[in-house]
Amino acid sequence: KMSERDNHERKRKRVDCQRCHRPTPTCICVALPEVSISLTRSRIIVLQHPHEKKRKNRSLPLVELCFDQKSTITSTSNEHVTSLPSPSLPDFNCIVSKRLGNQVDPGLMDIIQNPDQPFLLLYPSNDAVPLKEVLDKLRQRDNGELINDDANIDVNERQLGVNPTPKTDDKRITLFFLDATWKYAKEMLKACKSHDSWPSHAITVKLSKNDIPAAMFKPRRFDIRTPPCESHLSTAETIAHVLRIVEDNDEIFDILMKPLDLMVQQWHSFFEETTNN
């Protein structure tokens, strides 16, 4: 049995990869893209619960590694972050906090609260609208085809954006995700919506079963964490499917799944080795 001193010495001598920040034996850099993902139609903002940040078996860092590391921002509720003008904001943004508010980077809050830019919250609530239906209506709006009395989707023009052509040069859709357990995610969403910083034009959307091709679905894919059911998607899987649809690029899904699948494979190998010994 390893003593506490031996365990401390092992951790002290452990060498982590400079890119993926994982222990060298479990480095996943071989699965990361040679060319980082670049988004043209959307921007990601993730609100991560502080408890989730402390977990080692998270899928979100794998997503972040696939983007240009110079264009990722992680802001926490107890640190000051220099505000960036909206055109300079990165494709991937992570906020470590229980809700939106004054503690969040002002540049991000400007984007979130801008009524001229669509803000889509990915959350499978009863009132959530299928993602593709909202995207179709956004295209109709931008093409001048939106009919005021269109009642096919319960989304009004204020939510889609006040102006067909945004006043800013940045016309991308803001995709907002919650990274937490279901219990904490519900609490975070309630806290966000009860605060005056929550955007009034937010649209809650969800992935439909038809949005996920059978060839791209793997039950319990991220089983490092115990999923509530076999159809449950990890944060990384959800982001990958949403980006694939919004950016109209299936390759994004494949890129994001490679490091996740490798991490899971390594975990299973380690578990089997430990069990056999």
Protein backbone atom coordinates (compact mmCIF):
# COMPACT_ATOMS: atom_id res chain seq x y z
CA LYS A 1 0.00 0.00 0.00
CA MET A 2 1.35 3.40 -0.99
CA SER A 3 2.09 5.62 2.00
CA GLU A 4 0.94 9.22 2.16
CA ARG A 5 4.54 10.33 1.72
CA ASP A 6 5.03 8.11 -1.34
CA ASN A 7 1.80 9.39 -2.84
CA HIS A 8 2.87 13.00 -2.29
CA GLU A 9 6.24 12.26 -3.90
CA ARG A 10 4.55 10.66 -6.91
CA LYS A 11 2.35 13.70 -7.44
CA ARG A 12 5.32 16.04 -7.03
CA LYS A 13 7.28 14.23 -9.72
CA ARG A 14 4.35 13.95 -12.12
CA VAL A 15 4.93 15.75 -15.39
CA ASP A 16 1.95 17.29 -17.15
CA CYS A 17 1.67 17.95 -20.87
CA GLN A 18 2.05 21.66 -21.60
CA ARG A 19 -0.75 21.63 -24.17
CA CYS A 20 -3.55 19.45 -22.77
CA HIS A 21 -2.43 19.82 -19.13
CA ARG A 22 -2.92 16.11 -18.49
CA PRO A 23 -0.32 13.73 -17.02
CA THR A 24 2.11 12.70 -19.78
CA PRO A 25 0.97 9.03 -19.84
CA THR A 26 -2.61 10.17 -20.53
CA CYS A 27 -1.81 12.99 -22.95
CA ILE A 28 -4.54 13.40 -25.57
CA CYS A 29 -2.74 15.80 -27.91
CA VAL A 30 -2.56 13.17 -30.64
CA ALA A 31 -6.36 13.50 -30.93
CA LEU A 32 -6.40 17.30 -31.08
CA PRO A 33 -6.78 19.04 -34.45
CA GLU A 34 -3.72 20.38 -36.24
CA VAL A 35 -5.77 23.40 -37.22
CA SER A 36 -7.99 24.83 -34.50
CA ILE A 37 -11.74 25.13 -35.00
CA SER A 38 -12.85 28.53 -36.23
CA LEU A 39 -16.51 29.54 -36.06
CA THR A 40 -18.16 31.85 -38.58
CA ARG A 41 -21.85 31.78 -37.64
CA SER A 42 -21.78 31.47 -33.87
CA ARG A 43 -19.98 32.08 -30.60
CA ILE A 44 -19.97 29.79 -27.55
CA ILE A 45 -20.48 31.00 -24.00
CA VAL A 46 -20.49 28.38 -21.27
CA LEU A 47 -21.59 29.12 -17.71
CA GLN A 48 -19.79 26.54 -15.59
CA HIS A 49 -20.68 25.83 -11.98
CA PRO A 50 -17.67 26.27 -9.62
CA HIS A 51 -18.09 22.68 -8.39
CA GLU A 52 -17.81 21.41 -11.96
CA LYS A 53 -14.56 23.30 -12.39
CA LYS A 54 -13.01 21.19 -9.61
CA ARG A 55 -13.85 17.86 -11.22
CA LYS A 56 -11.11 15.93 -13.02
CA ASN A 57 -13.47 13.96 -15.28
CA ARG A 58 -14.90 16.87 -17.24
CA SER A 59 -15.65 16.94 -20.95
CA LEU A 60 -15.63 20.74 -21.42
CA PRO A 61 -11.80 21.16 -21.36
CA LEU A 62 -11.63 18.81 -24.35
CA VAL A 63 -13.81 21.23 -26.32
CA GLU A 64 -11.71 24.22 -25.32
CA LEU A 65 -8.52 22.47 -26.48
CA CYS A 66 -9.92 22.24 -30.00
CA PHE A 67 -10.13 26.03 -30.28
CA ASP A 68 -7.30 28.49 -30.64
CA GLN A 69 -5.93 28.78 -27.11
CA LYS A 70 -5.31 32.48 -27.69
CA SER A 71 -9.03 32.96 -28.20
CA THR A 72 -10.46 31.40 -25.06
CA ILE A 73 -11.43 33.32 -21.95
CA THR A 74 -12.16 31.79 -18.57
CA SER A 75 -13.53 34.30 -16.11
CA THR A 76 -14.49 33.51 -12.54
CA SER A 77 -16.67 35.33 -10.07
CA ASN A 78 -13.72 36.26 -7.88
CA GLU A 79 -11.25 37.63 -10.39
CA HIS A 80 -11.15 40.77 -12.51
CA VAL A 81 -11.16 40.22 -16.25
CA THR A 82 -10.21 42.99 -18.63
CA SER A 83 -13.11 43.78 -20.92
CA LEU A 84 -12.70 43.08 -24.62
CA PRO A 85 -14.69 44.86 -27.35
CA SER A 86 -17.26 42.53 -28.93
CA PRO A 87 -15.48 42.06 -32.31
CA SER A 88 -12.42 40.81 -30.37
CA LEU A 89 -14.33 38.30 -28.28
CA PRO A 90 -13.23 34.71 -28.92
CA ASP A 91 -15.18 31.81 -30.36
CA PHE A 92 -15.12 29.95 -27.04
CA ASN A 93 -15.80 31.63 -23.70
CA CYS A 94 -16.16 29.99 -20.30
CA ILE A 95 -17.57 31.77 -17.24
CA VAL A 96 -17.03 29.99 -13.93
CA SER A 97 -19.89 31.25 -11.79
CA LYS A 98 -23.34 30.30 -10.52
CA ARG A 99 -25.07 33.01 -12.55
CA LEU A 100 -24.57 35.95 -14.87
CA GLY A 101 -24.02 39.38 -13.37
CA ASN A 102 -21.53 42.14 -12.62
CA GLN A 103 -18.77 39.61 -11.91
CA VAL A 104 -18.74 38.55 -15.57
CA ASP A 105 -16.46 40.12 -18.20
CA PRO A 106 -18.24 43.30 -19.42
CA GLY A 107 -17.41 42.41 -23.04
CA LEU A 108 -19.27 39.14 -22.70
CA MET A 109 -22.21 40.81 -20.97
CA ASP A 110 -22.45 43.33 -23.81
CA ILE A 111 -22.81 40.45 -26.28
CA ILE A 112 -25.27 38.57 -24.08
CA GLN A 113 -27.50 41.61 -23.56
CA ASN A 114 -27.35 42.95 -27.13
CA PRO A 115 -30.95 42.66 -28.46
CA ASP A 116 -29.68 42.80 -32.05
CA GLN A 117 -27.87 39.48 -31.66
CA PRO A 118 -29.74 36.18 -31.22
CA PHE A 119 -29.09 34.50 -27.87
CA LEU A 120 -29.89 30.79 -27.76
CA LEU A 121 -29.91 28.93 -24.45
CA LEU A 122 -29.44 25.18 -24.93
CA TYR A 123 -31.63 23.61 -22.27
CA PRO A 124 -34.20 20.80 -22.68
CA SER A 125 -37.09 22.44 -20.82
CA ASN A 126 -40.75 21.88 -21.67
CA ASP A 127 -40.95 25.26 -23.40
CA ALA A 128 -37.76 24.79 -25.42
CA VAL A 129 -38.06 25.20 -29.20
CA PRO A 130 -36.27 22.77 -31.55
CA LEU A 131 -32.96 24.32 -32.57
CA LYS A 132 -33.44 23.85 -36.32
CA GLU A 133 -36.83 25.58 -36.24
CA VAL A 134 -35.31 28.68 -34.64
CA LEU A 135 -32.43 28.66 -37.13
CA ASP A 136 -34.91 28.48 -40.01
CA LYS A 137 -36.81 31.46 -38.63
CA LEU A 138 -33.58 33.42 -38.21
CA ARG A 139 -32.75 32.78 -41.88
CA GLN A 140 -36.24 33.96 -42.87
CA ARG A 141 -35.73 37.12 -40.86
CA ASP A 142 -32.35 37.83 -42.45
CA ASN A 143 -33.80 37.21 -45.91
CA GLY A 144 -36.76 39.49 -45.25
CA GLU A 145 -39.19 36.56 -45.45
CA LEU A 146 -40.45 36.63 -41.86
CA ILE A 147 -44.22 37.05 -41.62
CA ASN A 148 -45.40 38.91 -38.53
CA ASP A 149 -48.35 36.60 -37.91
CA ASP A 150 -46.29 33.44 -38.37
CA ALA A 151 -47.50 31.25 -35.49
CA ASN A 152 -45.66 28.06 -36.41
CA ILE A 153 -43.00 28.72 -33.78
CA ASP A 154 -43.55 30.34 -30.41
CA VAL A 155 -40.75 32.87 -30.83
CA ASN A 156 -41.38 36.56 -31.43
CA GLU A 157 -39.34 38.99 -33.49
CA ARG A 158 -37.97 40.69 -30.38
CA GLN A 159 -36.32 37.42 -29.37
CA LEU A 160 -34.88 36.88 -32.84
CA GLY A 161 -33.34 40.35 -32.85
CA VAL A 162 -34.87 43.79 -33.22
CA ASN A 163 -33.26 44.56 -36.54
CA PRO A 164 -33.01 42.19 -39.54
CA THR A 165 -29.52 43.56 -40.04
CA PRO A 166 -27.71 44.00 -36.71
CA LYS A 167 -26.16 47.40 -36.08
CA THR A 168 -22.89 45.70 -35.21
CA ASP A 169 -20.64 44.02 -37.77
CA ASP A 170 -20.72 40.89 -35.60
CA LYS A 171 -23.81 38.98 -36.77
CA ARG A 172 -23.04 35.69 -35.08
CA ILE A 173 -25.48 33.75 -32.92
CA THR A 174 -24.58 33.45 -29.24
CA LEU A 175 -24.90 29.83 -28.07
CA PHE A 176 -25.23 29.63 -24.30
CA PHE A 177 -24.61 26.37 -22.41
CA LEU A 178 -24.75 25.39 -18.73
CA ASP A 179 -22.00 23.04 -17.54
CA ALA A 180 -23.08 21.38 -14.30
CA THR A 181 -24.99 18.44 -12.89
CA TRP A 182 -28.74 18.59 -13.59
CA LYS A 183 -29.42 19.71 -10.02
CA TYR A 184 -26.98 22.60 -10.22
CA ALA A 185 -27.95 23.48 -13.80
CA LYS A 186 -31.56 24.01 -12.71
CA GLU A 187 -30.41 26.20 -9.83
CA MET A 188 -28.09 28.21 -12.10
CA LEU A 189 -30.80 28.83 -14.67
CA LYS A 190 -33.26 29.95 -11.99
CA ALA A 191 -30.63 32.31 -10.51
CA CYS A 192 -29.81 33.73 -13.96
CA LYS A 193 -33.43 34.37 -14.91
CA SER A 194 -34.20 36.06 -11.58
CA HIS A 195 -31.34 38.54 -12.08
CA ASP A 196 -31.73 41.66 -14.23
CA SER A 197 -28.66 40.69 -16.27
CA TRP A 198 -30.56 37.89 -18.05
CA PRO A 199 -31.28 38.89 -21.69
CA SER A 200 -34.97 39.46 -22.38
CA HIS A 201 -34.50 38.26 -25.97
CA ALA A 202 -33.14 34.84 -24.93
CA ILE A 203 -34.65 31.83 -26.72
CA THR A 204 -34.53 28.42 -25.05
CA VAL A 205 -33.78 25.73 -27.62
CA LYS A 206 -33.20 21.98 -27.59
CA LEU A 207 -31.86 19.23 -29.79
CA SER A 208 -34.51 16.95 -31.23
CA LYS A 209 -34.01 13.23 -31.80
CA ASN A 210 -33.95 13.83 -35.55
CA ASP A 211 -31.07 16.29 -35.07
CA ILE A 212 -28.71 13.46 -34.12
CA PRO A 213 -27.95 11.00 -36.96
CA ALA A 214 -27.71 7.36 -35.87
CA ALA A 215 -24.14 7.18 -37.21
CA MET A 216 -23.10 9.98 -34.84
CA PHE A 217 -24.81 8.65 -31.74
CA LYS A 218 -23.05 6.38 -29.27
CA PRO A 219 -25.04 5.44 -26.13
CA ARG A 220 -23.30 6.47 -22.90
CA ARG A 221 -20.39 7.79 -24.91
CA PHE A 222 -18.87 9.67 -21.99
CA ASP A 223 -19.38 6.96 -19.38
CA ILE A 224 -16.50 8.26 -17.26
CA ARG A 225 -19.40 10.06 -15.59
CA THR A 226 -22.53 8.04 -14.84
CA PRO A 227 -25.21 9.33 -17.24
CA PRO A 228 -28.86 9.39 -16.09
CA CYS A 229 -29.84 7.42 -19.21
CA GLU A 230 -28.15 5.98 -22.28
CA SER A 231 -29.38 8.81 -24.50
CA HIS A 232 -27.86 11.48 -22.22
CA LEU A 233 -25.25 13.71 -23.86
CA SER A 234 -22.22 15.16 -22.11
CA THR A 235 -21.49 18.89 -22.39
CA ALA A 236 -18.91 18.21 -25.11
CA GLU A 237 -21.32 16.06 -27.13
CA THR A 238 -24.09 18.66 -26.86
CA ILE A 239 -21.79 21.46 -28.01
CA ALA A 240 -20.48 19.29 -30.87
CA HIS A 241 -23.98 18.53 -32.19
CA VAL A 242 -25.16 22.13 -31.85
CA LEU A 243 -22.10 23.52 -33.64
CA ARG A 244 -22.44 20.90 -36.38
CA ILE A 245 -25.96 22.14 -37.04
CA VAL A 246 -25.44 25.90 -36.60
CA GLU A 247 -22.17 26.02 -38.53
CA ASP A 248 -23.49 23.47 -41.08
CA ASN A 249 -20.26 21.49 -40.78
CA ASP A 250 -20.23 17.81 -39.76
CA GLU A 251 -16.45 17.87 -39.49
CA ILE A 252 -16.70 19.95 -36.30
CA PHE A 253 -18.46 17.05 -34.58
CA ASP A 254 -15.74 14.59 -35.60
CA ILE A 255 -12.99 16.95 -34.42
CA LEU A 256 -14.58 17.44 -31.00
CA MET A 257 -15.29 13.74 -30.46
CA LYS A 258 -11.74 12.53 -31.11
CA PRO A 259 -10.18 13.78 -27.84
CA LEU A 260 -13.29 12.79 -25.88
CA ASP A 261 -13.25 9.23 -27.24
CA LEU A 262 -9.52 8.92 -26.55
CA MET A 263 -9.96 10.12 -22.97
CA VAL A 264 -12.72 7.56 -22.40
CA GLN A 265 -10.59 4.81 -23.98
CA GLN A 266 -7.69 5.66 -21.70
CA TRP A 267 -9.95 5.65 -18.67
CA HIS A 268 -11.31 2.19 -19.52
CA SER A 269 -7.81 0.85 -20.11
CA PHE A 270 -6.62 2.19 -16.77
CA PHE A 271 -9.67 0.80 -14.99
CA GLU A 272 -9.21 -2.65 -16.54
CA GLU A 273 -5.49 -2.65 -15.70
CA THR A 274 -6.19 -1.67 -12.10
CA THR A 275 -8.89 -4.35 -11.80
CA ASN A 276 -6.65 -7.07 -13.23
CA ASN A 277 -3.85 -6.17 -10.85
